[in-house]
Amino acid sequence: MSATARLTVGAIALVAITAFVAPAAKAQTQQQLDWCSGKNNATPDQQIGGCTALIQSGKFTGKTLALIFSNRGVAHKKKGQYDRAIPDFDQAIKLEPNDTAAFINRGGTYENKRQYDRAIQDYEQAIKLNPSYALAYFGRGNAYAGKGDTDRAIQDFGQVIKLNPNDAAAFINRGSAHRKIGQADRAIQDYDQAIKLNPNFALTFFNRGLSYADKGQIDRAIQDFDQAIKLNPNYAKAFNNRSLAKEKKGDKAGAEADLATAKRIDPNVTP
């Protein structure tokens, strides 16, 4: 029943940029600064436009310019423009070689491109710069999981939990890794803890349902799929997997109804 879903590293929050500017250019430049910093609900396109204008102005150097490149990279990453984001993070790192966030953001971008070894290199550099940065271990754990090195992924998610015992996402991803190597009971323990930390996250119930299904505990699986659907009524995969579970119980009508709902939400849904 389906590969378990993992949570990935999102872009680190945009950094606010401040600068002293000439009065004549103050209004325009302030808007560009605000957009580049992601203020006022700026869209990714506005962020890119603001950062680009600041870069082209030639007024910024050093650490401030590095932040501008990094923020533009984050905006490109949000748009899925990974090949445009990476050069921006490259430039940010060139200007500020100790910028941990830039390494993590570039690592996350390589991870999105499924270039897991490159991602691991960046996460490892971030760890060298800050050995207590839980997000770097989280990202590296995802990259190891992506390339199939599940044991090392489990180790990294364990390190995240050691650094931050309240990180529900780390428990979810470690649970996914345990399930991948057939350790359903250990996966369920991790999902249980994630639910204690955040009982309103549909993904955790969905993943725990898959683990119960692995163990042949179909009723428990259905209960978790029920809860996932309650929290997210448009969760196509939860309907699809509940359909499979009901089919195993001989509930043909229920299985067909759930499958129809799953297909209505997402015609391309798979278990």
C-alpha atoms as a PDB file:
ATOM      1  CA  MET A   1       0.000   0.000   0.000  1.00  0.00           C
ATOM      2  CA  SER A   2       1.864   3.021  -1.274  1.00  0.00           C
ATOM      3  CA  ALA A   3       5.233   4.485  -0.440  1.00  0.00           C
ATOM      4  CA  THR A   4       5.107   6.619   2.658  1.00  0.00           C
ATOM      5  CA  ALA A   5       5.223  10.372   2.161  1.00  0.00           C
ATOM      6  CA  ARG A   6       8.044  12.452   3.648  1.00  0.00           C
ATOM      7  CA  LEU A   7       8.297  16.118   4.466  1.00  0.00           C
ATOM      8  CA  THR A   8      11.001  18.018   2.611  1.00  0.00           C
ATOM      9  CA  VAL A   9      13.025  21.087   3.487  1.00  0.00           C
ATOM     10  CA  GLY A  10      11.311  24.303   2.494  1.00  0.00           C
ATOM     11  CA  ALA A  11      13.240  27.440   1.736  1.00  0.00           C
ATOM     12  CA  ILE A  12      14.512  29.219   4.816  1.00  0.00           C
ATOM     13  CA  ALA A  13      12.564  32.390   5.454  1.00  0.00           C
ATOM     14  CA  LEU A  14      13.525  35.487   3.537  1.00  0.00           C
ATOM     15  CA  VAL A  15      15.827  37.839   5.414  1.00  0.00           C
ATOM     16  CA  ALA A  16      14.820  41.461   5.929  1.00  0.00           C
ATOM     17  CA  ILE A  17      17.228  43.876   4.269  1.00  0.00           C
ATOM     18  CA  THR A  18      17.836  47.418   5.483  1.00  0.00           C
ATOM     19  CA  ALA A  19      19.882  50.136   3.846  1.00  0.00           C
ATOM     20  CA  PHE A  20      20.467  53.859   3.941  1.00  0.00           C
ATOM     21  CA  VAL A  21      19.515  55.458   0.623  1.00  0.00           C
ATOM     22  CA  ALA A  22      19.382  58.924  -0.835  1.00  0.00           C
ATOM     23  CA  PRO A  23      16.065  60.734  -0.214  1.00  0.00           C
ATOM     24  CA  ALA A  24      15.243  61.039  -3.923  1.00  0.00           C
ATOM     25  CA  ALA A  25      15.395  57.299  -4.414  1.00  0.00           C
ATOM     26  CA  LYS A  26      14.070  56.361  -0.996  1.00  0.00           C
ATOM     27  CA  ALA A  27      10.459  55.476  -1.898  1.00  0.00           C
ATOM     28  CA  GLN A  28      11.302  53.299  -4.883  1.00  0.00           C
ATOM     29  CA  THR A  29      14.215  51.623  -3.151  1.00  0.00           C
ATOM     30  CA  GLN A  30      12.191  50.941  -0.001  1.00  0.00           C
ATOM     31  CA  GLN A  31       9.563  49.165  -2.058  1.00  0.00           C
ATOM     32  CA  GLN A  32      12.276  47.080  -3.713  1.00  0.00           C
ATOM     33  CA  LEU A  33      13.781  46.283  -0.305  1.00  0.00           C
ATOM     34  CA  ASP A  34      10.376  45.286   1.054  1.00  0.00           C
ATOM     35  CA  TRP A  35       9.592  43.088  -1.925  1.00  0.00           C
ATOM     36  CA  CYS A  36      13.012  41.454  -1.885  1.00  0.00           C
ATOM     37  CA  SER A  37      12.528  40.737   1.830  1.00  0.00           C
ATOM     38  CA  GLY A  38       9.094  39.214   1.177  1.00  0.00           C
ATOM     39  CA  LYS A  39       7.224  41.899   3.096  1.00  0.00           C
ATOM     40  CA  ASN A  40       3.638  43.007   2.429  1.00  0.00           C
ATOM     41  CA  ASN A  41       2.702  39.571   1.048  1.00  0.00           C
ATOM     42  CA  ALA A  42       5.015  40.053  -1.911  1.00  0.00           C
ATOM     43  CA  THR A  43       4.593  37.407  -4.597  1.00  0.00           C
ATOM     44  CA  PRO A  44       7.633  35.441  -5.767  1.00  0.00           C
ATOM     45  CA  ASP A  45       7.658  37.510  -8.969  1.00  0.00           C
ATOM     46  CA  GLN A  46       7.661  40.725  -6.936  1.00  0.00           C
ATOM     47  CA  GLN A  47      10.436  39.326  -4.753  1.00  0.00           C
ATOM     48  CA  ILE A  48      12.501  38.482  -7.816  1.00  0.00           C
ATOM     49  CA  GLY A  49      11.836  41.890  -9.345  1.00  0.00           C
ATOM     50  CA  GLY A  50      12.727  43.739  -6.150  1.00  0.00           C
ATOM     51  CA  CYS A  51      15.933  41.778  -5.599  1.00  0.00           C
ATOM     52  CA  THR A  52      16.967  42.121  -9.235  1.00  0.00           C
ATOM     53  CA  ALA A  53      16.516  45.895  -9.095  1.00  0.00           C
ATOM     54  CA  LEU A  54      18.650  46.063  -5.946  1.00  0.00           C
ATOM     55  CA  ILE A  55      21.393  43.949  -7.524  1.00  0.00           C
ATOM     56  CA  GLN A  56      21.407  46.038 -10.697  1.00  0.00           C
ATOM     57  CA  SER A  57      21.526  49.293  -8.725  1.00  0.00           C
ATOM     58  CA  GLY A  58      25.136  48.586  -7.730  1.00  0.00           C
ATOM     59  CA  LYS A  59      24.493  50.145  -4.316  1.00  0.00           C
ATOM     60  CA  PHE A  60      24.977  46.996  -2.268  1.00  0.00           C
ATOM     61  CA  THR A  61      28.049  44.960  -1.448  1.00  0.00           C
ATOM     62  CA  GLY A  62      29.276  42.274   0.917  1.00  0.00           C
ATOM     63  CA  LYS A  63      26.870  40.624   3.317  1.00  0.00           C
ATOM     64  CA  THR A  64      23.904  42.767   2.258  1.00  0.00           C
ATOM     65  CA  LEU A  65      24.371  41.836  -1.394  1.00  0.00           C
ATOM     66  CA  ALA A  66      24.704  38.188  -0.376  1.00  0.00           C
ATOM     67  CA  LEU A  67      21.330  38.409   1.384  1.00  0.00           C
ATOM     68  CA  ILE A  68      19.763  39.920  -1.721  1.00  0.00           C
ATOM     69  CA  PHE A  69      21.052  37.090  -3.929  1.00  0.00           C
ATOM     70  CA  SER A  70      19.924  34.545  -1.335  1.00  0.00           C
ATOM     71  CA  ASN A  71      16.438  36.048  -1.142  1.00  0.00           C
ATOM     72  CA  ARG A  72      16.115  36.015  -4.921  1.00  0.00           C
ATOM     73  CA  GLY A  73      17.199  32.389  -4.907  1.00  0.00           C
ATOM     74  CA  VAL A  74      14.477  31.588  -2.388  1.00  0.00           C
ATOM     75  CA  ALA A  75      11.885  33.240  -4.632  1.00  0.00           C
ATOM     76  CA  HIS A  76      13.085  31.275  -7.682  1.00  0.00           C
ATOM     77  CA  LYS A  77      12.950  28.101  -5.580  1.00  0.00           C
ATOM     78  CA  LYS A  78       9.352  28.860  -4.604  1.00  0.00           C
ATOM     79  CA  LYS A  79       8.487  29.038  -8.295  1.00  0.00           C
ATOM     80  CA  GLY A  80      10.230  25.753  -9.018  1.00  0.00           C
ATOM     81  CA  GLN A  81      12.917  27.553 -11.040  1.00  0.00           C
ATOM     82  CA  TYR A  82      15.711  25.500  -9.556  1.00  0.00           C
ATOM     83  CA  ASP A  83      18.275  26.171 -12.263  1.00  0.00           C
ATOM     84  CA  ARG A  84      17.843  29.896 -11.646  1.00  0.00           C
ATOM     85  CA  ALA A  85      17.864  29.566  -7.873  1.00  0.00           C
ATOM     86  CA  ILE A  86      21.175  27.689  -7.665  1.00  0.00           C
ATOM     87  CA  PRO A  87      23.324  30.429  -9.289  1.00  0.00           C
ATOM     88  CA  ASP A  88      21.843  32.943  -6.835  1.00  0.00           C
ATOM     89  CA  PHE A  89      22.781  30.757  -3.877  1.00  0.00           C
ATOM     90  CA  ASP A  90      26.210  30.242  -5.481  1.00  0.00           C
ATOM     91  CA  GLN A  91      26.697  33.999  -5.574  1.00  0.00           C
ATOM     92  CA  ALA A  92      25.441  34.428  -1.993  1.00  0.00           C
ATOM     93  CA  ILE A  93      27.929  31.810  -0.778  1.00  0.00           C
ATOM     94  CA  LYS A  94      30.748  33.408  -2.774  1.00  0.00           C
ATOM     95  CA  LEU A  95      30.037  36.749  -1.085  1.00  0.00           C
ATOM     96  CA  GLU A  96      29.388  35.255   2.360  1.00  0.00           C
ATOM     97  CA  PRO A  97      31.085  31.817   2.686  1.00  0.00           C
ATOM     98  CA  ASN A  98      29.781  31.326   6.232  1.00  0.00           C
ATOM     99  CA  ASP A  99      26.106  31.773   5.343  1.00  0.00           C
ATOM    100  CA  THR A 100      24.602  28.550   6.696  1.00  0.00           C
ATOM    101  CA  ALA A 101      21.144  29.367   5.342  1.00  0.00           C
ATOM    102  CA  ALA A 102      22.454  29.714   1.784  1.00  0.00           C
ATOM    103  CA  PHE A 103      24.021  26.242   1.951  1.00  0.00           C
ATOM    104  CA  ILE A 104      20.766  24.757   3.289  1.00  0.00           C
ATOM    105  CA  ASN A 105      18.690  26.523   0.638  1.00  0.00           C
ATOM    106  CA  ARG A 106      21.040  25.384  -2.136  1.00  0.00           C
ATOM    107  CA  GLY A 107      21.036  21.874  -0.678  1.00  0.00           C
ATOM    108  CA  GLY A 108      17.243  21.875  -0.686  1.00  0.00           C
ATOM    109  CA  THR A 109      17.241  23.010  -4.307  1.00  0.00           C
ATOM    110  CA  TYR A 110      19.591  20.204  -5.333  1.00  0.00           C
ATOM    111  CA  GLU A 111      17.347  17.827  -3.395  1.00  0.00           C
ATOM    112  CA  ASN A 112      14.350  19.072  -5.403  1.00  0.00           C
ATOM    113  CA  LYS A 113      16.365  18.264  -8.544  1.00  0.00           C
ATOM    114  CA  ARG A 114      17.094  14.807  -7.100  1.00  0.00           C
ATOM    115  CA  GLN A 115      20.807  15.523  -7.134  1.00  0.00           C
ATOM    116  CA  TYR A 116      21.143  13.991  -3.709  1.00  0.00           C
ATOM    117  CA  ASP A 117      24.935  13.815  -3.497  1.00  0.00           C
ATOM    118  CA  ARG A 118      25.220  17.531  -4.255  1.00  0.00           C
ATOM    119  CA  ALA A 119      22.536  18.227  -1.662  1.00  0.00           C
ATOM    120  CA  ILE A 120      24.392  16.179   0.953  1.00  0.00           C
ATOM    121  CA  GLN A 121      27.573  18.171   0.295  1.00  0.00           C
ATOM    122  CA  ASP A 122      25.749  21.418   1.025  1.00  0.00           C
ATOM    123  CA  TYR A 123      24.038  20.093   4.137  1.00  0.00           C
ATOM    124  CA  GLU A 124      27.386  18.811   5.416  1.00  0.00           C
ATOM    125  CA  GLN A 125      28.934  22.228   4.918  1.00  0.00           C
ATOM    126  CA  ALA A 126      26.057  23.770   6.861  1.00  0.00           C
ATOM    127  CA  ILE A 127      26.681  21.256   9.663  1.00  0.00           C
ATOM    128  CA  LYS A 128      30.396  22.169   9.715  1.00  0.00           C
ATOM    129  CA  LEU A 129      29.434  25.828  10.085  1.00  0.00           C
ATOM    130  CA  ASN A 130      26.830  25.087  12.773  1.00  0.00           C
ATOM    131  CA  PRO A 131      26.856  21.551  14.252  1.00  0.00           C
ATOM    132  CA  SER A 132      23.704  22.344  16.257  1.00  0.00           C
ATOM    133  CA  TYR A 133      21.571  23.384  13.269  1.00  0.00           C
ATOM    134  CA  ALA A 134      18.801  20.794  13.266  1.00  0.00           C
ATOM    135  CA  LEU A 135      17.498  21.797   9.831  1.00  0.00           C
ATOM    136  CA  ALA A 136      20.804  20.810   8.210  1.00  0.00           C
ATOM    137  CA  TYR A 137      20.517  17.271   9.620  1.00  0.00           C
ATOM    138  CA  PHE A 138      16.870  17.168   8.549  1.00  0.00           C
ATOM    139  CA  GLY A 139      17.799  18.080   4.987  1.00  0.00           C
ATOM    140  CA  ARG A 140      20.663  15.619   4.877  1.00  0.00           C
ATOM    141  CA  GLY A 141      18.345  12.919   6.208  1.00  0.00           C
ATOM    142  CA  ASN A 142      15.940  13.618   3.354  1.00  0.00           C
ATOM    143  CA  ALA A 143      18.762  13.470   0.835  1.00  0.00           C
ATOM    144  CA  TYR A 144      19.996  10.148   2.213  1.00  0.00           C
ATOM    145  CA  ALA A 145      16.430   8.827   2.088  1.00  0.00           C
ATOM    146  CA  GLY A 146      16.105  10.044  -1.489  1.00  0.00           C
ATOM    147  CA  LYS A 147      19.197   8.133  -2.591  1.00  0.00           C
ATOM    148  CA  GLY A 148      18.095   5.015  -0.716  1.00  0.00           C
ATOM    149  CA  ASP A 149      20.538   5.164   2.211  1.00  0.00           C
ATOM    150  CA  THR A 150      17.795   4.611   4.754  1.00  0.00           C
ATOM    151  CA  ASP A 151      20.001   3.758   7.742  1.00  0.00           C
ATOM    152  CA  ARG A 152      21.875   7.055   7.470  1.00  0.00           C
ATOM    153  CA  ALA A 153      18.578   8.884   7.003  1.00  0.00           C
ATOM    154  CA  ILE A 154      17.319   7.384  10.263  1.00  0.00           C
ATOM    155  CA  GLN A 155      20.497   8.510  12.012  1.00  0.00           C
ATOM    156  CA  ASP A 156      20.073  12.085  10.794  1.00  0.00           C
ATOM    157  CA  PHE A 157      16.401  12.293  11.743  1.00  0.00           C
ATOM    158  CA  GLY A 158      17.402  10.914  15.127  1.00  0.00           C
ATOM    159  CA  GLN A 159      19.923  13.741  15.461  1.00  0.00           C
ATOM    160  CA  VAL A 160      17.212  16.274  14.639  1.00  0.00           C
ATOM    161  CA  ILE A 161      15.052  14.799  17.396  1.00  0.00           C
ATOM    162  CA  LYS A 162      17.968  14.910  19.807  1.00  0.00           C
ATOM    163  CA  LEU A 163      18.470  18.606  19.052  1.00  0.00           C
ATOM    164  CA  ASN A 164      14.741  19.366  19.000  1.00  0.00           C
ATOM    165  CA  PRO A 165      12.538  16.739  20.676  1.00  0.00           C
ATOM    166  CA  ASN A 166       9.413  18.649  19.610  1.00  0.00           C
ATOM    167  CA  ASP A 167      10.082  18.424  15.871  1.00  0.00           C
ATOM    168  CA  ALA A 168       7.054  16.509  14.610  1.00  0.00           C
ATOM    169  CA  ALA A 169       8.369  16.514  11.032  1.00  0.00           C
ATOM    170  CA  ALA A 170      11.502  14.633  12.088  1.00  0.00           C
ATOM    171  CA  PHE A 171       9.386  11.932  13.748  1.00  0.00           C
ATOM    172  CA  ILE A 172       7.250  11.682  10.591  1.00  0.00           C
ATOM    173  CA  ASN A 173      10.257  11.298   8.316  1.00  0.00           C
ATOM    174  CA  ARG A 174      12.003   8.854  10.614  1.00  0.00           C
ATOM    175  CA  GLY A 175       8.774   6.864  10.684  1.00  0.00           C
ATOM    176  CA  SER A 176       8.750   6.851   6.882  1.00  0.00           C
ATOM    177  CA  ALA A 177      12.322   5.574   6.858  1.00  0.00           C
ATOM    178  CA  HIS A 178      11.531   2.810   9.361  1.00  0.00           C
ATOM    179  CA  ARG A 179       8.538   1.754   7.274  1.00  0.00           C
ATOM    180  CA  LYS A 180      10.672   1.632   4.131  1.00  0.00           C
ATOM    181  CA  ILE A 181      12.877  -1.069   5.667  1.00  0.00           C
ATOM    182  CA  GLY A 182       9.921  -3.022   7.003  1.00  0.00           C
ATOM    183  CA  GLN A 183       9.990  -1.809  10.620  1.00  0.00           C
ATOM    184  CA  ALA A 184       6.274  -1.086  10.896  1.00  0.00           C
ATOM    185  CA  ASP A 185       6.185  -1.107  14.695  1.00  0.00           C
ATOM    186  CA  ARG A 186       8.987   1.437  14.969  1.00  0.00           C
ATOM    187  CA  ALA A 187       7.330   3.542  12.279  1.00  0.00           C
ATOM    188  CA  ILE A 188       4.075   3.546  14.256  1.00  0.00           C
ATOM    189  CA  GLN A 189       5.926   4.636  17.400  1.00  0.00           C
ATOM    190  CA  ASP A 190       7.338   7.618  15.533  1.00  0.00           C
ATOM    191  CA  TYR A 191       3.966   8.521  14.040  1.00  0.00           C
ATOM    192  CA  ASP A 192       2.379   8.242  17.494  1.00  0.00           C
ATOM    193  CA  GLN A 193       4.867  10.784  18.816  1.00  0.00           C
ATOM    194  CA  ALA A 194       4.326  13.084  15.839  1.00  0.00           C
ATOM    195  CA  ILE A 195       0.572  12.987  16.480  1.00  0.00           C
ATOM    196  CA  LYS A 196       1.123  13.904  20.135  1.00  0.00           C
ATOM    197  CA  LEU A 197       3.134  16.905  18.998  1.00  0.00           C
ATOM    198  CA  ASN A 198       0.730  17.900  16.211  1.00  0.00           C
ATOM    199  CA  PRO A 199      -2.649  16.126  16.175  1.00  0.00           C
ATOM    200  CA  ASN A 200      -3.931  18.194  13.236  1.00  0.00           C
ATOM    201  CA  PHE A 201      -1.620  16.969  10.504  1.00  0.00           C
ATOM    202  CA  ALA A 202      -3.376  14.646   8.061  1.00  0.00           C
ATOM    203  CA  LEU A 203      -0.140  13.247   6.619  1.00  0.00           C
ATOM    204  CA  THR A 204       0.813  11.616   9.919  1.00  0.00           C
ATOM    205  CA  PHE A 205      -2.457   9.716  10.195  1.00  0.00           C
ATOM    206  CA  PHE A 206      -2.178   8.684   6.553  1.00  0.00           C
ATOM    207  CA  ASN A 207       1.339   7.339   7.063  1.00  0.00           C
ATOM    208  CA  ARG A 208       0.382   5.536  10.263  1.00  0.00           C
ATOM    209  CA  GLY A 209      -2.561   4.003   8.421  1.00  0.00           C
ATOM    210  CA  LEU A 210      -0.160   2.616   5.830  1.00  0.00           C
ATOM    211  CA  SER A 211       1.945   1.074   8.594  1.00  0.00           C
ATOM    212  CA  TYR A 212      -1.074  -0.563  10.211  1.00  0.00           C
ATOM    213  CA  ALA A 213      -2.043  -1.904   6.788  1.00  0.00           C
ATOM    214  CA  ASP A 214       1.468  -3.352   6.456  1.00  0.00           C
ATOM    215  CA  LYS A 215       0.828  -5.238   9.699  1.00  0.00           C
ATOM    216  CA  GLY A 216      -2.523  -6.509   8.433  1.00  0.00           C
ATOM    217  CA  GLN A 217      -4.440  -4.417  10.997  1.00  0.00           C
ATOM    218  CA  ILE A 218      -6.957  -3.182   8.453  1.00  0.00           C
ATOM    219  CA  ASP A 219      -9.489  -1.749  10.911  1.00  0.00           C
ATOM    220  CA  ARG A 220      -6.793   0.385  12.541  1.00  0.00           C
ATOM    221  CA  ALA A 221      -5.619   1.462   9.103  1.00  0.00           C
ATOM    222  CA  ILE A 222      -9.135   2.538   8.143  1.00  0.00           C
ATOM    223  CA  GLN A 223      -9.455   4.538  11.370  1.00  0.00           C
ATOM    224  CA  ASP A 224      -6.321   6.468  10.483  1.00  0.00           C
ATOM    225  CA  PHE A 225      -7.408   7.050   6.886  1.00  0.00           C
ATOM    226  CA  ASP A 226     -10.745   8.279   8.296  1.00  0.00           C
ATOM    227  CA  GLN A 227      -8.921  10.810  10.465  1.00  0.00           C
ATOM    228  CA  ALA A 228      -6.689  11.924   7.608  1.00  0.00           C
ATOM    229  CA  ILE A 229      -9.779  12.571   5.489  1.00  0.00           C
ATOM    230  CA  LYS A 230     -11.484  14.390   8.357  1.00  0.00           C
ATOM    231  CA  LEU A 231      -8.502  16.724   8.611  1.00  0.00           C
ATOM    232  CA  ASN A 232      -8.149  17.057   4.832  1.00  0.00           C
ATOM    233  CA  PRO A 233     -11.397  16.280   2.942  1.00  0.00           C
ATOM    234  CA  ASN A 234      -9.543  16.527  -0.398  1.00  0.00           C
ATOM    235  CA  TYR A 235      -6.868  13.968   0.485  1.00  0.00           C
ATOM    236  CA  ALA A 236      -7.080  11.802  -2.628  1.00  0.00           C
ATOM    237  CA  LYS A 237      -4.445   9.301  -1.505  1.00  0.00           C
ATOM    238  CA  ALA A 238      -6.259   8.756   1.784  1.00  0.00           C
ATOM    239  CA  PHE A 239      -9.492   7.950  -0.063  1.00  0.00           C
ATOM    240  CA  ASN A 240      -7.602   5.688  -2.452  1.00  0.00           C
ATOM    241  CA  ASN A 241      -5.859   3.742   0.299  1.00  0.00           C
ATOM    242  CA  ARG A 242      -9.032   3.522   2.356  1.00  0.00           C
ATOM    243  CA  SER A 243     -10.637   2.041  -0.754  1.00  0.00           C
ATOM    244  CA  LEU A 244      -7.943  -0.647  -0.848  1.00  0.00           C
ATOM    245  CA  ALA A 245      -8.415  -1.353   2.853  1.00  0.00           C
ATOM    246  CA  LYS A 246     -12.190  -1.655   2.503  1.00  0.00           C
ATOM    247  CA  GLU A 247     -11.731  -3.977  -0.445  1.00  0.00           C
ATOM    248  CA  LYS A 248      -9.608  -6.245   1.744  1.00  0.00           C
ATOM    249  CA  LYS A 249     -12.439  -6.342   4.264  1.00  0.00           C
ATOM    250  CA  GLY A 250     -14.939  -7.287   1.561  1.00  0.00           C
ATOM    251  CA  ASP A 251     -16.685  -3.915   1.576  1.00  0.00           C
ATOM    252  CA  LYS A 252     -17.032  -3.649  -2.191  1.00  0.00           C
ATOM    253  CA  ALA A 253     -19.507  -0.771  -2.176  1.00  0.00           C
ATOM    254  CA  GLY A 254     -17.423   1.277   0.247  1.00  0.00           C
ATOM    255  CA  ALA A 255     -14.276   0.589  -1.724  1.00  0.00           C
ATOM    256  CA  GLU A 256     -15.874   1.697  -4.984  1.00  0.00           C
ATOM    257  CA  ALA A 257     -17.255   4.862  -3.412  1.00  0.00           C
ATOM    258  CA  ASP A 258     -13.870   5.827  -1.977  1.00  0.00           C
ATOM    259  CA  LEU A 259     -12.100   5.107  -5.242  1.00  0.00           C
ATOM    260  CA  ALA A 260     -14.601   7.268  -7.134  1.00  0.00           C
ATOM    261  CA  THR A 261     -14.018  10.118  -4.680  1.00  0.00           C
ATOM    262  CA  ALA A 262     -10.244   9.761  -4.982  1.00  0.00           C
ATOM    263  CA  LYS A 263     -10.471   9.893  -8.803  1.00  0.00           C
ATOM    264  CA  ARG A 264     -12.770  12.911  -8.659  1.00  0.00           C
ATOM    265  CA  ILE A 265     -10.249  14.800  -6.508  1.00  0.00           C
ATOM    266  CA  ASP A 266      -7.216  13.632  -8.485  1.00  0.00           C
ATOM    267  CA  PRO A 267      -7.759  11.629 -11.685  1.00  0.00           C
ATOM    268  CA  ASN A 268      -4.115  10.517 -11.576  1.00  0.00           C
ATOM    269  CA  VAL A 269      -4.093   9.346  -7.961  1.00  0.00           C
ATOM    270  CA  THR A 270      -2.192   6.147  -7.189  1.00  0.00           C
ATOM    271  CA  PRO A 271      -1.866   4.149  -3.964  1.00  0.00           C
END
